[in-house]
């Protein structure tokens, strides 16, 4: 079950964490796990995306097969995109040649 949750390299480097995840799932009653999966599968929050009104970092995992970047992360980012007409980039006075913020 948890093999799809972690990349092979990460799982090999963190076996204790993988074992903890396996134990967590193993201790969950089958009917409760099935109900959770059904609830997640049925949930569609796309209509609520426009209500997000704070700065949001959308992260998508390139190896995430459950919620792949395309279309999920790209759709989320596009749905909450805001353009601020009063915003400009600026450089820190302590590092005028550094990256813009």
PDB file of N, CA and C in Angstrom:
ATOM      1  N   UNK A   1       0.821  -1.200   0.000  1.00  0.00           N
ATOM      2  CA  UNK A   1       0.000   0.000   0.000  1.00  0.00           C
ATOM      3  C   UNK A   1       0.861   1.259   0.000  1.00  0.00           C
ATOM      4  N   UNK A   2       1.817   1.357   0.881  1.00  0.00           N
ATOM      5  CA  UNK A   2       2.575   2.598   1.006  1.00  0.00           C
ATOM      6  C   UNK A   2       3.678   2.725  -0.039  1.00  0.00           C
ATOM      7  N   UNK A   3       3.881   1.711  -0.850  1.00  0.00           N
ATOM      8  CA  UNK A   3       4.967   1.785  -1.839  1.00  0.00           C
ATOM      9  C   UNK A   3       4.769   2.942  -2.814  1.00  0.00           C
ATOM     10  N   UNK A   4       3.536   3.332  -3.059  1.00  0.00           N
ATOM     11  CA  UNK A   4       3.274   4.464  -3.945  1.00  0.00           C
ATOM     12  C   UNK A   4       3.404   5.812  -3.270  1.00  0.00           C
ATOM     13  N   UNK A   5       3.599   5.820  -1.975  1.00  0.00           N
ATOM     14  CA  UNK A   5       3.696   7.071  -1.238  1.00  0.00           C
ATOM     15  C   UNK A   5       5.096   7.664  -1.250  1.00  0.00           C
ATOM     16  N   UNK A   6       6.097   6.843  -1.467  1.00  0.00           N
ATOM     17  CA  UNK A   6       7.486   7.285  -1.374  1.00  0.00           C
ATOM     18  C   UNK A   6       8.254   6.826  -2.604  1.00  0.00           C
ATOM     19  N   UNK A   7       9.198   7.637  -3.050  1.00  0.00           N
ATOM     20  CA  UNK A   7      10.052   7.186  -4.142  1.00  0.00           C
ATOM     21  C   UNK A   7      10.958   6.072  -3.610  1.00  0.00           C
ATOM     22  N   UNK A   8      11.403   5.172  -4.474  1.00  0.00           N
ATOM     23  CA  UNK A   8      12.274   4.084  -4.008  1.00  0.00           C
ATOM     24  C   UNK A   8      13.531   4.592  -3.299  1.00  0.00           C
ATOM     25  N   UNK A   9      14.149   5.638  -3.831  1.00  0.00           N
ATOM     26  CA  UNK A   9      15.368   6.169  -3.202  1.00  0.00           C
ATOM     27  C   UNK A   9      15.084   6.711  -1.808  1.00  0.00           C
ATOM     28  N   UNK A  10      13.986   7.455  -1.662  1.00  0.00           N
ATOM     29  CA  UNK A  10      13.657   8.036  -0.360  1.00  0.00           C
ATOM     30  C   UNK A  10      13.317   6.933   0.632  1.00  0.00           C
ATOM     31  N   UNK A  11      12.534   5.952   0.183  1.00  0.00           N
ATOM     32  CA  UNK A  11      12.164   4.842   1.069  1.00  0.00           C
ATOM     33  C   UNK A  11      13.395   4.079   1.544  1.00  0.00           C
ATOM     34  N   UNK A  12      14.356   3.873   0.650  1.00  0.00           N
ATOM     35  CA  UNK A  12      15.583   3.168   1.028  1.00  0.00           C
ATOM     36  C   UNK A  12      16.391   3.965   2.046  1.00  0.00           C
ATOM     37  N   UNK A  13      16.353   5.279   1.942  1.00  0.00           N
ATOM     38  CA  UNK A  13      17.106   6.132   2.863  1.00  0.00           C
ATOM     39  C   UNK A  13      16.381   6.350   4.192  1.00  0.00           C
ATOM     40  N   UNK A  14      15.080   6.066   4.247  1.00  0.00           N
ATOM     41  CA  UNK A  14      14.282   6.323   5.453  1.00  0.00           C
ATOM     42  C   UNK A  14      13.405   5.115   5.809  1.00  0.00           C
ATOM     43  N   UNK A  15      13.997   3.945   5.987  1.00  0.00           N
ATOM     44  CA  UNK A  15      13.183   2.744   6.238  1.00  0.00           C
ATOM     45  C   UNK A  15      12.342   2.830   7.513  1.00  0.00           C
ATOM     46  N   UNK A  16      12.839   3.542   8.517  1.00  0.00           N
ATOM     47  CA  UNK A  16      12.076   3.656   9.762  1.00  0.00           C
ATOM     48  C   UNK A  16      10.782   4.427   9.544  1.00  0.00           C
ATOM     49  N   UNK A  17      10.823   5.431   8.699  1.00  0.00           N
ATOM     50  CA  UNK A  17       9.622   6.209   8.406  1.00  0.00           C
ATOM     51  C   UNK A  17       8.626   5.370   7.611  1.00  0.00           C
ATOM     52  N   UNK A  18       9.135   4.603   6.652  1.00  0.00           N
ATOM     53  CA  UNK A  18       8.275   3.725   5.854  1.00  0.00           C
ATOM     54  C   UNK A  18       7.601   2.701   6.762  1.00  0.00           C
ATOM     55  N   UNK A  19       8.353   2.126   7.690  1.00  0.00           N
ATOM     56  CA  UNK A  19       7.778   1.156   8.624  1.00  0.00           C
ATOM     57  C   UNK A  19       6.698   1.797   9.496  1.00  0.00           C
ATOM     58  N   UNK A  20       6.915   3.030   9.886  1.00  0.00           N
ATOM     59  CA  UNK A  20       5.919   3.750  10.682  1.00  0.00           C
ATOM     60  C   UNK A  20       4.637   3.940   9.869  1.00  0.00           C
ATOM     61  N   UNK A  21       4.763   4.272   8.592  1.00  0.00           N
ATOM     62  CA  UNK A  21       3.593   4.436   7.728  1.00  0.00           C
ATOM     63  C   UNK A  21       2.861   3.108   7.549  1.00  0.00           C
ATOM     64  N   UNK A  22       3.611   2.033   7.365  1.00  0.00           N
ATOM     65  CA  UNK A  22       3.006   0.703   7.228  1.00  0.00           C
ATOM     66  C   UNK A  22       2.242   0.338   8.500  1.00  0.00           C
ATOM     67  N   UNK A  23       2.839   0.612   9.648  1.00  0.00           N
ATOM     68  CA  UNK A  23       2.181   0.315  10.921  1.00  0.00           C
ATOM     69  C   UNK A  23       0.901   1.128  11.070  1.00  0.00           C
ATOM     70  N   UNK A  24       0.948   2.399  10.696  1.00  0.00           N
ATOM     71  CA  UNK A  24      -0.227   3.258  10.797  1.00  0.00           C
ATOM     72  C   UNK A  24      -1.380   2.687   9.968  1.00  0.00           C
ATOM     73  N   UNK A  25      -1.087   2.318   8.723  1.00  0.00           N
ATOM     74  CA  UNK A  25      -2.126   1.782   7.846  1.00  0.00           C
ATOM     75  C   UNK A  25      -2.598   0.420   8.343  1.00  0.00           C
ATOM     76  N   UNK A  26      -1.675  -0.404   8.794  1.00  0.00           N
ATOM     77  CA  UNK A  26      -2.033  -1.740   9.294  1.00  0.00           C
ATOM     78  C   UNK A  26      -2.949  -1.668  10.507  1.00  0.00           C
ATOM     79  N   UNK A  27      -2.794  -0.620  11.315  1.00  0.00           N
ATOM     80  CA  UNK A  27      -3.613  -0.459  12.515  1.00  0.00           C
ATOM     81  C   UNK A  27      -4.964   0.195  12.236  1.00  0.00           C
ATOM     82  N   UNK A  28      -5.191   0.600  11.010  1.00  0.00           N
ATOM     83  CA  UNK A  28      -6.462   1.220  10.636  1.00  0.00           C
ATOM     84  C   UNK A  28      -7.436   0.124  10.205  1.00  0.00           C
ATOM     85  N   UNK A  29      -8.617   0.065  10.819  1.00  0.00           N
ATOM     86  CA  UNK A  29      -9.595  -0.943  10.403  1.00  0.00           C
ATOM     87  C   UNK A  29      -9.919  -0.809   8.908  1.00  0.00           C
ATOM     88  N   UNK A  30     -10.062  -1.943   8.243  1.00  0.00           N
ATOM     89  CA  UNK A  30     -10.281  -1.948   6.795  1.00  0.00           C
ATOM     90  C   UNK A  30     -11.474  -1.095   6.378  1.00  0.00           C
ATOM     91  N   UNK A  31     -12.584  -1.190   7.121  1.00  0.00           N
ATOM     92  CA  UNK A  31     -13.764  -0.426   6.728  1.00  0.00           C
ATOM     93  C   UNK A  31     -13.536   1.077   6.872  1.00  0.00           C
ATOM     94  N   UNK A  32     -12.775   1.487   7.864  1.00  0.00           N
ATOM     95  CA  UNK A  32     -12.472   2.920   8.051  1.00  0.00           C
ATOM     96  C   UNK A  32     -11.545   3.424   6.946  1.00  0.00           C
ATOM     97  N   UNK A  33     -10.575   2.606   6.591  1.00  0.00           N
ATOM     98  CA  UNK A  33      -9.667   2.988   5.504  1.00  0.00           C
ATOM     99  C   UNK A  33     -10.447   3.112   4.198  1.00  0.00           C
ATOM    100  N   UNK A  34     -11.344   2.175   3.942  1.00  0.00           N
ATOM    101  CA  UNK A  34     -12.155   2.217   2.724  1.00  0.00           C
ATOM    102  C   UNK A  34     -13.050   3.454   2.705  1.00  0.00           C
ATOM    103  N   UNK A  35     -13.633   3.807   3.856  1.00  0.00           N
ATOM    104  CA  UNK A  35     -14.466   5.009   3.939  1.00  0.00           C
ATOM    105  C   UNK A  35     -13.645   6.259   3.652  1.00  0.00           C
ATOM    106  N   UNK A  36     -12.441   6.306   4.183  1.00  0.00           N
ATOM    107  CA  UNK A  36     -11.558   7.453   3.944  1.00  0.00           C
ATOM    108  C   UNK A  36     -11.226   7.565   2.463  1.00  0.00           C
ATOM    109  N   UNK A  37     -10.885   6.448   1.846  1.00  0.00           N
ATOM    110  CA  UNK A  37     -10.569   6.454   0.411  1.00  0.00           C
ATOM    111  C   UNK A  37     -11.764   6.915  -0.404  1.00  0.00           C
ATOM    112  N   UNK A  38     -12.958   6.456  -0.047  1.00  0.00           N
ATOM    113  CA  UNK A  38     -14.173   6.863  -0.760  1.00  0.00           C
ATOM    114  C   UNK A  38     -14.425   8.358  -0.610  1.00  0.00           C
ATOM    115  N   UNK A  39     -14.215   8.875   0.597  1.00  0.00           N
ATOM    116  CA  UNK A  39     -14.428  10.306   0.827  1.00  0.00           C
ATOM    117  C   UNK A  39     -13.451  11.142   0.010  1.00  0.00           C
ATOM    118  N   UNK A  40     -12.203  10.728  -0.029  1.00  0.00           N
ATOM    119  CA  UNK A  40     -11.201  11.462  -0.811  1.00  0.00           C
ATOM    120  C   UNK A  40     -11.537  11.402  -2.293  1.00  0.00           C
ATOM    121  N   UNK A  41     -11.956  10.225  -2.770  1.00  0.00           N
ATOM    122  CA  UNK A  41     -12.284  10.071  -4.189  1.00  0.00           C
ATOM    123  C   UNK A  41     -13.489  10.915  -4.583  1.00  0.00           C
ATOM    124  N   UNK A  42     -14.444  11.081  -3.676  1.00  0.00           N
ATOM    125  CA  UNK A  42     -15.670  11.816  -3.990  1.00  0.00           C
ATOM    126  C   UNK A  42     -15.513  13.325  -3.838  1.00  0.00           C
ATOM    127  N   UNK A  43     -14.520  13.766  -3.080  1.00  0.00           N
ATOM    128  CA  UNK A  43     -14.379  15.188  -2.789  1.00  0.00           C
ATOM    129  C   UNK A  43     -13.857  15.942  -4.002  1.00  0.00           C
ATOM    130  N   UNK A  44     -14.482  17.057  -4.288  1.00  0.00           N
ATOM    131  CA  UNK A  44     -14.051  17.920  -5.387  1.00  0.00           C
ATOM    132  C   UNK A  44     -14.087  19.356  -4.887  1.00  0.00           C
ATOM    133  N   UNK A  45     -12.947  19.897  -4.582  1.00  0.00           N
ATOM    134  CA  UNK A  45     -12.874  21.237  -4.026  1.00  0.00           C
ATOM    135  C   UNK A  45     -12.617  22.333  -5.038  1.00  0.00           C
ATOM    136  N   UNK A  46     -12.707  22.012  -6.319  1.00  0.00           N
ATOM    137  CA  UNK A  46     -12.367  23.007  -7.341  1.00  0.00           C
ATOM    138  C   UNK A  46     -13.216  24.268  -7.258  1.00  0.00           C
ATOM    139  N   UNK A  47     -14.479  24.139  -6.888  1.00  0.00           N
ATOM    140  CA  UNK A  47     -15.337  25.332  -6.814  1.00  0.00           C
ATOM    141  C   UNK A  47     -14.901  26.274  -5.706  1.00  0.00           C
ATOM    142  N   UNK A  48     -14.165  25.773  -4.740  1.00  0.00           N
ATOM    143  CA  UNK A  48     -13.730  26.599  -3.611  1.00  0.00           C
ATOM    144  C   UNK A  48     -12.392  27.281  -3.850  1.00  0.00           C
ATOM    145  N   UNK A  49     -11.704  26.934  -4.917  1.00  0.00           N
ATOM    146  CA  UNK A  49     -10.354  27.467  -5.134  1.00  0.00           C
ATOM    147  C   UNK A  49     -10.335  28.986  -5.212  1.00  0.00           C
ATOM    148  N   UNK A  50     -11.343  29.586  -5.800  1.00  0.00           N
ATOM    149  CA  UNK A  50     -11.386  31.038  -5.922  1.00  0.00           C
ATOM    150  C   UNK A  50     -11.476  31.754  -4.594  1.00  0.00           C
ATOM    151  N   UNK A  51     -11.817  31.037  -3.536  1.00  0.00           N
ATOM    152  CA  UNK A  51     -11.911  31.655  -2.211  1.00  0.00           C
ATOM    153  C   UNK A  51     -10.564  31.743  -1.513  1.00  0.00           C
ATOM    154  N   UNK A  52      -9.541  31.122  -2.065  1.00  0.00           N
ATOM    155  CA  UNK A  52      -8.202  31.227  -1.477  1.00  0.00           C
ATOM    156  C   UNK A  52      -7.714  32.643  -1.742  1.00  0.00           C
ATOM    157  N   UNK A  53      -7.495  33.401  -0.691  1.00  0.00           N
ATOM    158  CA  UNK A  53      -7.143  34.810  -0.868  1.00  0.00           C
ATOM    159  C   UNK A  53      -5.867  35.185  -0.126  1.00  0.00           C
ATOM    160  N   UNK A  54      -4.971  34.251  -0.031  1.00  0.00           N
ATOM    161  CA  UNK A  54      -3.692  34.517   0.607  1.00  0.00           C
ATOM    162  C   UNK A  54      -2.577  33.951  -0.267  1.00  0.00           C
ATOM    163  N   UNK A  55      -1.387  34.442  -0.080  1.00  0.00           N
ATOM    164  CA  UNK A  55      -0.259  33.936  -0.845  1.00  0.00           C
ATOM    165  C   UNK A  55      -0.148  32.434  -0.626  1.00  0.00           C
ATOM    166  N   UNK A  56      -0.046  31.706  -1.709  1.00  0.00           N
ATOM    167  CA  UNK A  56      -0.053  30.246  -1.642  1.00  0.00           C
ATOM    168  C   UNK A  56       1.053  29.684  -2.515  1.00  0.00           C
ATOM    169  N   UNK A  57       1.833  28.793  -1.966  1.00  0.00           N
ATOM    170  CA  UNK A  57       2.849  28.089  -2.729  1.00  0.00           C
ATOM    171  C   UNK A  57       2.273  26.743  -3.127  1.00  0.00           C
ATOM    172  N   UNK A  58       2.162  26.507  -4.415  1.00  0.00           N
ATOM    173  CA  UNK A  58       1.643  25.238  -4.917  1.00  0.00           C
ATOM    174  C   UNK A  58       2.833  24.353  -5.255  1.00  0.00           C
ATOM    175  N   UNK A  59       2.901  23.206  -4.622  1.00  0.00           N
ATOM    176  CA  UNK A  59       4.011  22.279  -4.830  1.00  0.00           C
ATOM    177  C   UNK A  59       3.457  20.998  -5.437  1.00  0.00           C
ATOM    178  N   UNK A  60       4.101  20.535  -6.481  1.00  0.00           N
ATOM    179  CA  UNK A  60       3.715  19.273  -7.099  1.00  0.00           C
ATOM    180  C   UNK A  60       4.926  18.369  -7.195  1.00  0.00           C
ATOM    181  N   UNK A  61       4.729  17.118  -6.842  1.00  0.00           N
ATOM    182  CA  UNK A  61       5.827  16.157  -6.895  1.00  0.00           C
ATOM    183  C   UNK A  61       5.937  15.525  -8.270  1.00  0.00           C
ATOM    184  N   UNK A  62       7.110  15.563  -8.846  1.00  0.00           N
ATOM    185  CA  UNK A  62       7.294  15.029 -10.198  1.00  0.00           C
ATOM    186  C   UNK A  62       7.054  13.526 -10.267  1.00  0.00           C
ATOM    187  N   UNK A  63       7.116  12.844  -9.131  1.00  0.00           N
ATOM    188  CA  UNK A  63       6.894  11.400  -9.116  1.00  0.00           C
ATOM    189  C   UNK A  63       5.609  11.026  -8.371  1.00  0.00           C
ATOM    190  N   UNK A  64       4.717  11.984  -8.203  1.00  0.00           N
ATOM    191  CA  UNK A  64       3.459  11.743  -7.501  1.00  0.00           C
ATOM    192  C   UNK A  64       2.432  11.180  -8.474  1.00  0.00           C
ATOM    193  N   UNK A  65       2.128   9.898  -8.340  1.00  0.00           N
ATOM    194  CA  UNK A  65       1.168   9.275  -9.250  1.00  0.00           C
ATOM    195  C   UNK A  65      -0.272   9.496  -8.805  1.00  0.00           C
ATOM    196  N   UNK A  66      -0.485   9.848  -7.545  1.00  0.00           N
ATOM    197  CA  UNK A  66      -1.836  10.070  -7.040  1.00  0.00           C
ATOM    198  C   UNK A  66      -2.405  11.415  -7.434  1.00  0.00           C
ATOM    199  N   UNK A  67      -1.591  12.438  -7.356  1.00  0.00           N
ATOM    200  CA  UNK A  67      -1.996  13.787  -7.766  1.00  0.00           C
ATOM    201  C   UNK A  67      -0.870  14.378  -8.601  1.00  0.00           C
ATOM    202  N   UNK A  68      -0.752  13.933  -9.838  1.00  0.00           N
ATOM    203  CA  UNK A  68       0.359  14.380 -10.679  1.00  0.00           C
ATOM    204  C   UNK A  68       0.334  15.888 -10.930  1.00  0.00           C
ATOM    205  N   UNK A  69       1.516  16.431 -11.135  1.00  0.00           N
ATOM    206  CA  UNK A  69       1.661  17.870 -11.370  1.00  0.00           C
ATOM    207  C   UNK A  69       0.729  18.324 -12.487  1.00  0.00           C
ATOM    208  N   UNK A  70       0.735  17.600 -13.569  1.00  0.00           N
ATOM    209  CA  UNK A  70      -0.136  17.948 -14.685  1.00  0.00           C
ATOM    210  C   UNK A  70      -1.252  16.919 -14.728  1.00  0.00           C
ATOM    211  N   UNK A  71      -2.453  17.255 -14.390  1.00  0.00           N
ATOM    212  CA  UNK A  71      -3.013  18.588 -14.368  1.00  0.00           C
ATOM    213  C   UNK A  71      -3.186  19.190 -12.978  1.00  0.00           C
ATOM    214  N   UNK A  72      -3.015  18.434 -11.899  1.00  0.00           N
ATOM    215  CA  UNK A  72      -3.463  18.884 -10.587  1.00  0.00           C
ATOM    216  C   UNK A  72      -2.779  20.145 -10.073  1.00  0.00           C
ATOM    217  N   UNK A  73      -1.472  20.152  -9.915  1.00  0.00           N
ATOM    218  CA  UNK A  73      -0.794  21.336  -9.374  1.00  0.00           C
ATOM    219  C   UNK A  73      -0.938  22.519 -10.322  1.00  0.00           C
ATOM    220  N   UNK A  74      -0.871  22.263 -11.613  1.00  0.00           N
ATOM    221  CA  UNK A  74      -1.019  23.354 -12.581  1.00  0.00           C
ATOM    222  C   UNK A  74      -2.428  23.932 -12.536  1.00  0.00           C
ATOM    223  N   UNK A  75      -3.430  23.083 -12.396  1.00  0.00           N
ATOM    224  CA  UNK A  75      -4.811  23.558 -12.304  1.00  0.00           C
ATOM    225  C   UNK A  75      -5.006  24.374 -11.039  1.00  0.00           C
ATOM    226  N   UNK A  76      -4.478  23.892  -9.925  1.00  0.00           N
ATOM    227  CA  UNK A  76      -4.593  24.615  -8.665  1.00  0.00           C
ATOM    228  C   UNK A  76      -3.930  25.975  -8.764  1.00  0.00           C
ATOM    229  N   UNK A  77      -2.712  26.009  -9.257  1.00  0.00           N
ATOM    230  CA  UNK A  77      -1.993  27.280  -9.375  1.00  0.00           C
ATOM    231  C   UNK A  77      -2.740  28.251 -10.283  1.00  0.00           C
ATOM    232  N   UNK A  78      -3.254  27.767 -11.396  1.00  0.00           N
ATOM    233  CA  UNK A  78      -3.980  28.638 -12.325  1.00  0.00           C
ATOM    234  C   UNK A  78      -5.281  29.145 -11.708  1.00  0.00           C
ATOM    235  N   UNK A  79      -5.906  28.341 -10.864  1.00  0.00           N
ATOM    236  CA  UNK A  79      -7.187  28.712 -10.269  1.00  0.00           C
ATOM    237  C   UNK A  79      -7.062  29.789  -9.209  1.00  0.00           C
ATOM    238  N   UNK A  80      -5.902  29.905  -8.588  1.00  0.00           N
ATOM    239  CA  UNK A  80      -5.744  30.890  -7.515  1.00  0.00           C
ATOM    240  C   UNK A  80      -4.785  32.008  -7.899  1.00  0.00           C
ATOM    241  N   UNK A  81      -4.365  32.033  -9.152  1.00  0.00           N
ATOM    242  CA  UNK A  81      -3.422  33.047  -9.619  1.00  0.00           C
ATOM    243  C   UNK A  81      -4.011  34.440  -9.438  1.00  0.00           C
ATOM    244  N   UNK A  82      -3.216  35.346  -8.935  1.00  0.00           N
ATOM    245  CA  UNK A  82      -3.614  36.751  -8.800  1.00  0.00           C
ATOM    246  C   UNK A  82      -2.476  37.621  -9.315  1.00  0.00           C
ATOM    247  N   UNK A  83      -2.824  38.664 -10.021  1.00  0.00           N
ATOM    248  CA  UNK A  83      -1.837  39.629 -10.486  1.00  0.00           C
ATOM    249  C   UNK A  83      -2.024  40.892  -9.660  1.00  0.00           C
ATOM    250  N   UNK A  84      -0.940  41.369  -9.079  1.00  0.00           N
ATOM    251  CA  UNK A  84      -0.996  42.556  -8.241  1.00  0.00           C
ATOM    252  C   UNK A  84      -0.447  43.742  -9.018  1.00  0.00           C
ATOM    253  N   UNK A  85      -1.314  44.666  -9.374  1.00  0.00           N
ATOM    254  CA  UNK A  85      -0.891  45.800 -10.196  1.00  0.00           C
ATOM    255  C   UNK A  85      -0.043  46.791  -9.410  1.00  0.00           C
ATOM    256  N   UNK A  86      -0.063  46.732  -8.103  1.00  0.00           N
ATOM    257  CA  UNK A  86       0.716  47.667  -7.289  1.00  0.00           C
ATOM    258  C   UNK A  86       2.045  47.089  -6.837  1.00  0.00           C
ATOM    259  N   UNK A  87       2.350  45.869  -7.237  1.00  0.00           N
ATOM    260  CA  UNK A  87       3.575  45.217  -6.771  1.00  0.00           C
ATOM    261  C   UNK A  87       4.714  45.398  -7.769  1.00  0.00           C
ATOM    262  N   UNK A  88       5.902  45.566  -7.245  1.00  0.00           N
ATOM    263  CA  UNK A  88       7.121  45.632  -8.048  1.00  0.00           C
ATOM    264  C   UNK A  88       8.180  44.787  -7.370  1.00  0.00           C
ATOM    265  N   UNK A  89       9.149  44.341  -8.146  1.00  0.00           N
ATOM    266  CA  UNK A  89      10.274  43.654  -7.528  1.00  0.00           C
ATOM    267  C   UNK A  89      11.226  44.699  -6.986  1.00  0.00           C
ATOM    268  N   UNK A  90      11.971  44.346  -5.979  1.00  0.00           N
ATOM    269  CA  UNK A  90      12.936  45.265  -5.394  1.00  0.00           C
ATOM    270  C   UNK A  90      14.139  44.484  -4.931  1.00  0.00           C
ATOM    271  N   UNK A  91      15.215  45.185  -4.777  1.00  0.00           N
ATOM    272  CA  UNK A  91      16.449  44.571  -4.297  1.00  0.00           C
ATOM    273  C   UNK A  91      16.728  45.072  -2.884  1.00  0.00           C
ATOM    274  N   UNK A  92      17.251  44.193  -2.095  1.00  0.00           N
ATOM    275  CA  UNK A  92      17.599  44.548  -0.733  1.00  0.00           C
ATOM    276  C   UNK A  92      18.732  45.568  -0.750  1.00  0.00           C
ATOM    277  N   UNK A  93      18.622  46.603   0.065  1.00  0.00           N
ATOM    278  CA  UNK A  93      19.680  47.616   0.111  1.00  0.00           C
ATOM    279  C   UNK A  93      20.978  47.042   0.667  1.00  0.00           C
ATOM    280  N   UNK A  94      20.893  45.954   1.426  1.00  0.00           N
ATOM    281  CA  UNK A  94      22.105  45.348   1.961  1.00  0.00           C
ATOM    282  C   UNK A  94      22.806  44.469   0.931  1.00  0.00           C
ATOM    283  N   UNK A  95      22.122  44.150  -0.172  1.00  0.00           N
ATOM    284  CA  UNK A  95      22.708  43.319  -1.219  1.00  0.00           C
ATOM    285  C   UNK A  95      22.121  43.765  -2.565  1.00  0.00           C
ATOM    286  N   UNK A  96      22.503  44.956  -3.043  1.00  0.00           N
ATOM    287  CA  UNK A  96      21.874  45.522  -4.235  1.00  0.00           C
ATOM    288  C   UNK A  96      22.096  44.726  -5.517  1.00  0.00           C
ATOM    289  N   UNK A  97      23.077  43.847  -5.546  1.00  0.00           N
ATOM    290  CA  UNK A  97      23.293  43.060  -6.762  1.00  0.00           C
ATOM    291  C   UNK A  97      22.721  41.655  -6.635  1.00  0.00           C
ATOM    292  N   UNK A  98      22.129  41.368  -5.475  1.00  0.00           N
ATOM    293  CA  UNK A  98      21.585  40.030  -5.226  1.00  0.00           C
ATOM    294  C   UNK A  98      20.257  39.814  -5.930  1.00  0.00           C
ATOM    295  N   UNK A  99      19.640  38.704  -5.641  1.00  0.00           N
ATOM    296  CA  UNK A  99      18.372  38.379  -6.303  1.00  0.00           C
ATOM    297  C   UNK A  99      17.266  39.334  -5.894  1.00  0.00           C
ATOM    298  N   UNK A 100      16.299  39.494  -6.771  1.00  0.00           N
ATOM    299  CA  UNK A 100      15.151  40.326  -6.424  1.00  0.00           C
ATOM    300  C   UNK A 100      14.230  39.538  -5.518  1.00  0.00           C
ATOM    301  N   UNK A 101      13.451  40.246  -4.752  1.00  0.00           N
ATOM    302  CA  UNK A 101      12.521  39.618  -3.809  1.00  0.00           C
ATOM    303  C   UNK A 101      11.111  39.950  -4.216  1.00  0.00           C
TER     304      UNK A 101
END
